[in-house]
N, C-alpha and C. Protein backbone atom coordinates (compact mmCIF):
# COMPACT_ATOMS: atom_id res chain seq x y z
N MET A 1 -9.38 -3.55 14.15
CA MET A 1 -8.94 -4.93 14.30
C MET A 1 -7.42 -4.97 14.31
N GLN A 2 -6.89 -5.77 15.20
CA GLN A 2 -5.44 -5.93 15.28
C GLN A 2 -4.95 -6.75 14.08
N VAL A 3 -3.79 -6.37 13.55
CA VAL A 3 -3.21 -7.07 12.40
C VAL A 3 -2.60 -8.39 12.90
N PRO A 4 -3.05 -9.52 12.35
CA PRO A 4 -2.51 -10.81 12.79
C PRO A 4 -1.02 -10.96 12.50
N GLU A 5 -0.35 -11.72 13.34
CA GLU A 5 1.09 -11.94 13.19
C GLU A 5 1.43 -12.55 11.83
N ALA A 6 0.57 -13.42 11.30
CA ALA A 6 0.84 -14.03 9.99
C ALA A 6 0.87 -12.98 8.89
N VAL A 7 0.04 -11.95 8.99
CA VAL A 7 0.04 -10.86 8.00
C VAL A 7 1.32 -10.05 8.14
N ILE A 8 1.71 -9.76 9.37
CA ILE A 8 2.94 -9.00 9.61
C ILE A 8 4.14 -9.76 9.04
N LYS A 9 4.18 -11.05 9.25
CA LYS A 9 5.28 -11.86 8.72
C LYS A 9 5.29 -11.84 7.20
N GLU A 10 4.13 -12.00 6.59
CA GLU A 10 4.03 -12.02 5.12
C GLU A 10 4.44 -10.67 4.51
N ALA A 11 4.17 -9.59 5.22
CA ALA A 11 4.48 -8.24 4.72
C ALA A 11 5.84 -7.74 5.23
N GLY A 12 6.66 -8.63 5.74
CA GLY A 12 7.90 -8.24 6.39
C GLY A 12 8.79 -7.28 5.62
N GLU A 13 9.00 -7.53 4.34
CA GLU A 13 9.89 -6.65 3.56
C GLU A 13 9.30 -5.25 3.40
N LEU A 14 7.99 -5.15 3.18
CA LEU A 14 7.36 -3.82 3.08
C LEU A 14 7.42 -3.09 4.41
N ILE A 15 7.21 -3.81 5.50
CA ILE A 15 7.27 -3.20 6.82
C ILE A 15 8.66 -2.65 7.11
N LYS A 16 9.71 -3.39 6.74
CA LYS A 16 11.08 -2.91 6.95
C LYS A 16 11.33 -1.59 6.22
N ARG A 17 10.78 -1.47 5.03
CA ARG A 17 11.03 -0.27 4.21
C ARG A 17 10.11 0.90 4.55
N PHE A 18 8.85 0.61 4.88
CA PHE A 18 7.85 1.68 4.99
C PHE A 18 7.16 1.77 6.34
N GLY A 19 7.39 0.83 7.24
CA GLY A 19 6.70 0.83 8.52
C GLY A 19 5.48 -0.07 8.50
N LYS A 20 4.90 -0.27 9.65
CA LYS A 20 3.77 -1.19 9.80
C LYS A 20 2.46 -0.41 9.79
N HIS A 21 1.89 -0.26 8.59
CA HIS A 21 0.66 0.51 8.42
C HIS A 21 -0.31 -0.28 7.56
N PHE A 22 -1.43 -0.66 8.16
CA PHE A 22 -2.44 -1.45 7.47
C PHE A 22 -3.82 -0.87 7.70
N GLU A 23 -4.71 -1.18 6.80
CA GLU A 23 -6.13 -0.89 6.97
C GLU A 23 -6.87 -2.22 6.82
N HIS A 24 -7.73 -2.51 7.77
CA HIS A 24 -8.58 -3.70 7.66
C HIS A 24 -9.75 -3.33 6.76
N LEU A 25 -9.83 -3.98 5.61
CA LEU A 25 -10.89 -3.65 4.66
C LEU A 25 -12.21 -4.30 5.02
N GLY A 26 -12.15 -5.51 5.56
CA GLY A 26 -13.36 -6.26 5.88
C GLY A 26 -13.19 -7.69 5.44
N LYS A 27 -14.30 -8.38 5.28
CA LYS A 27 -14.28 -9.78 4.86
C LYS A 27 -14.34 -9.87 3.34
N TYR A 28 -13.50 -10.74 2.79
CA TYR A 28 -13.47 -11.02 1.36
C TYR A 28 -13.43 -12.53 1.19
N GLU A 29 -14.50 -13.08 0.65
CA GLU A 29 -14.61 -14.52 0.44
C GLU A 29 -14.24 -15.31 1.70
N GLY A 30 -14.75 -14.86 2.84
CA GLY A 30 -14.53 -15.56 4.10
C GLY A 30 -13.19 -15.32 4.76
N GLN A 31 -12.40 -14.42 4.22
CA GLN A 31 -11.08 -14.11 4.76
C GLN A 31 -11.04 -12.64 5.17
N ASP A 32 -10.24 -12.31 6.17
CA ASP A 32 -10.03 -10.91 6.52
C ASP A 32 -9.05 -10.31 5.53
N ALA A 33 -9.42 -9.18 4.96
CA ALA A 33 -8.57 -8.50 3.97
C ALA A 33 -7.93 -7.27 4.61
N PHE A 34 -6.61 -7.19 4.49
CA PHE A 34 -5.84 -6.07 5.01
C PHE A 34 -5.10 -5.40 3.85
N LEU A 35 -5.17 -4.10 3.79
CA LEU A 35 -4.47 -3.32 2.77
C LEU A 35 -3.23 -2.70 3.40
N PHE A 36 -2.06 -2.90 2.77
CA PHE A 36 -0.84 -2.24 3.24
C PHE A 36 -0.90 -0.78 2.80
N LEU A 37 -0.67 0.13 3.74
CA LEU A 37 -0.72 1.56 3.45
C LEU A 37 0.69 2.12 3.29
N PHE A 38 0.99 2.57 2.10
CA PHE A 38 2.29 3.19 1.83
C PHE A 38 2.24 4.65 2.29
N PRO A 39 3.38 5.24 2.61
CA PRO A 39 3.41 6.66 3.00
C PRO A 39 2.87 7.54 1.87
N ASP A 40 2.27 8.65 2.24
CA ASP A 40 1.76 9.61 1.26
C ASP A 40 2.88 10.01 0.30
N GLY A 41 2.53 10.12 -0.95
CA GLY A 41 3.50 10.53 -1.96
C GLY A 41 4.33 9.41 -2.53
N SER A 42 4.13 8.19 -2.06
CA SER A 42 4.88 7.04 -2.58
C SER A 42 4.31 6.63 -3.93
N ASN A 43 5.19 6.37 -4.86
CA ASN A 43 4.79 5.89 -6.19
C ASN A 43 5.03 4.38 -6.20
N THR A 44 3.97 3.60 -5.98
CA THR A 44 4.15 2.18 -5.71
C THR A 44 3.53 1.25 -6.73
N GLY A 45 2.64 1.71 -7.55
CA GLY A 45 1.97 0.81 -8.49
C GLY A 45 0.80 0.13 -7.85
N PHE A 46 0.68 -1.18 -8.04
CA PHE A 46 -0.46 -1.92 -7.51
C PHE A 46 -0.44 -1.97 -5.98
N PRO A 47 -1.64 -2.05 -5.38
CA PRO A 47 -1.70 -2.20 -3.92
C PRO A 47 -1.29 -3.61 -3.51
N PHE A 48 -0.98 -3.76 -2.23
CA PHE A 48 -0.71 -5.06 -1.64
C PHE A 48 -1.82 -5.35 -0.65
N VAL A 49 -2.53 -6.44 -0.90
CA VAL A 49 -3.61 -6.89 -0.02
C VAL A 49 -3.18 -8.21 0.60
N TYR A 50 -3.48 -8.37 1.87
CA TYR A 50 -3.16 -9.60 2.59
C TYR A 50 -4.47 -10.24 3.04
N LEU A 51 -4.65 -11.49 2.65
CA LEU A 51 -5.84 -12.23 3.03
C LEU A 51 -5.47 -13.18 4.15
N TYR A 52 -6.25 -13.13 5.23
CA TYR A 52 -5.94 -13.89 6.43
C TYR A 52 -7.12 -14.77 6.83
N LYS A 53 -6.81 -16.03 7.14
CA LYS A 53 -7.82 -16.95 7.65
C LYS A 53 -7.12 -18.12 8.35
N ASP A 54 -7.66 -18.50 9.48
CA ASP A 54 -7.20 -19.68 10.21
C ASP A 54 -5.69 -19.69 10.45
N GLY A 55 -5.12 -18.52 10.80
CA GLY A 55 -3.71 -18.45 11.16
C GLY A 55 -2.74 -18.33 10.00
N SER A 56 -3.26 -18.27 8.77
CA SER A 56 -2.39 -18.15 7.59
C SER A 56 -2.73 -16.89 6.81
N ALA A 57 -1.71 -16.34 6.15
CA ALA A 57 -1.90 -15.13 5.34
C ALA A 57 -1.24 -15.32 3.98
N ILE A 58 -1.88 -14.75 2.97
CA ILE A 58 -1.29 -14.72 1.63
C ILE A 58 -1.30 -13.28 1.12
N SER A 59 -0.33 -12.97 0.30
CA SER A 59 -0.20 -11.65 -0.31
C SER A 59 -0.81 -11.68 -1.69
N VAL A 60 -1.58 -10.63 -2.00
CA VAL A 60 -2.19 -10.50 -3.32
C VAL A 60 -1.83 -9.11 -3.85
N THR A 61 -1.37 -9.05 -5.09
CA THR A 61 -1.08 -7.77 -5.72
C THR A 61 -1.53 -7.85 -7.18
N GLY A 62 -1.22 -6.84 -7.95
CA GLY A 62 -1.63 -6.84 -9.35
C GLY A 62 -3.11 -6.53 -9.50
N PHE A 63 -3.67 -6.94 -10.63
CA PHE A 63 -5.06 -6.63 -10.92
C PHE A 63 -6.01 -7.29 -9.92
N GLU A 64 -5.63 -8.45 -9.39
CA GLU A 64 -6.48 -9.11 -8.40
C GLU A 64 -6.62 -8.25 -7.14
N ALA A 65 -5.54 -7.60 -6.73
CA ALA A 65 -5.61 -6.71 -5.57
C ALA A 65 -6.50 -5.51 -5.86
N LEU A 66 -6.45 -5.00 -7.08
CA LEU A 66 -7.35 -3.91 -7.45
C LEU A 66 -8.80 -4.34 -7.38
N ASP A 67 -9.08 -5.55 -7.85
CA ASP A 67 -10.45 -6.08 -7.79
C ASP A 67 -10.92 -6.19 -6.35
N ILE A 68 -10.05 -6.65 -5.47
CA ILE A 68 -10.43 -6.80 -4.05
C ILE A 68 -10.70 -5.43 -3.43
N THR A 69 -9.80 -4.48 -3.60
CA THR A 69 -9.99 -3.17 -2.97
C THR A 69 -11.21 -2.46 -3.53
N ALA A 70 -11.53 -2.67 -4.81
CA ALA A 70 -12.69 -2.02 -5.41
C ALA A 70 -13.98 -2.47 -4.75
N GLN A 71 -14.00 -3.65 -4.20
CA GLN A 71 -15.22 -4.14 -3.54
C GLN A 71 -15.50 -3.42 -2.23
N PHE A 72 -14.50 -2.71 -1.69
CA PHE A 72 -14.66 -2.02 -0.43
C PHE A 72 -14.77 -0.51 -0.60
N ASP A 73 -14.68 -0.01 -1.83
CA ASP A 73 -14.85 1.42 -2.08
C ASP A 73 -16.31 1.80 -1.86
N ASN A 74 -16.50 2.94 -1.27
CA ASN A 74 -17.88 3.42 -1.05
C ASN A 74 -18.34 4.27 -2.18
């Protein structure tokens, strides 16, 4: 899935520093969930998840982002 422009805009500062690398996780509570992928070996702490719906995106980090990504682990 192509990363929506609203997600790219919301992740602008991370993209400037690390490049534009995302993984589409799937649907989360009716929204498309995208995980920002940091370069290998980066020590970053919590993941950054972007939730997208109807042309808008929000950034989620901290324990809530861990909860979201855990739902997509196999």
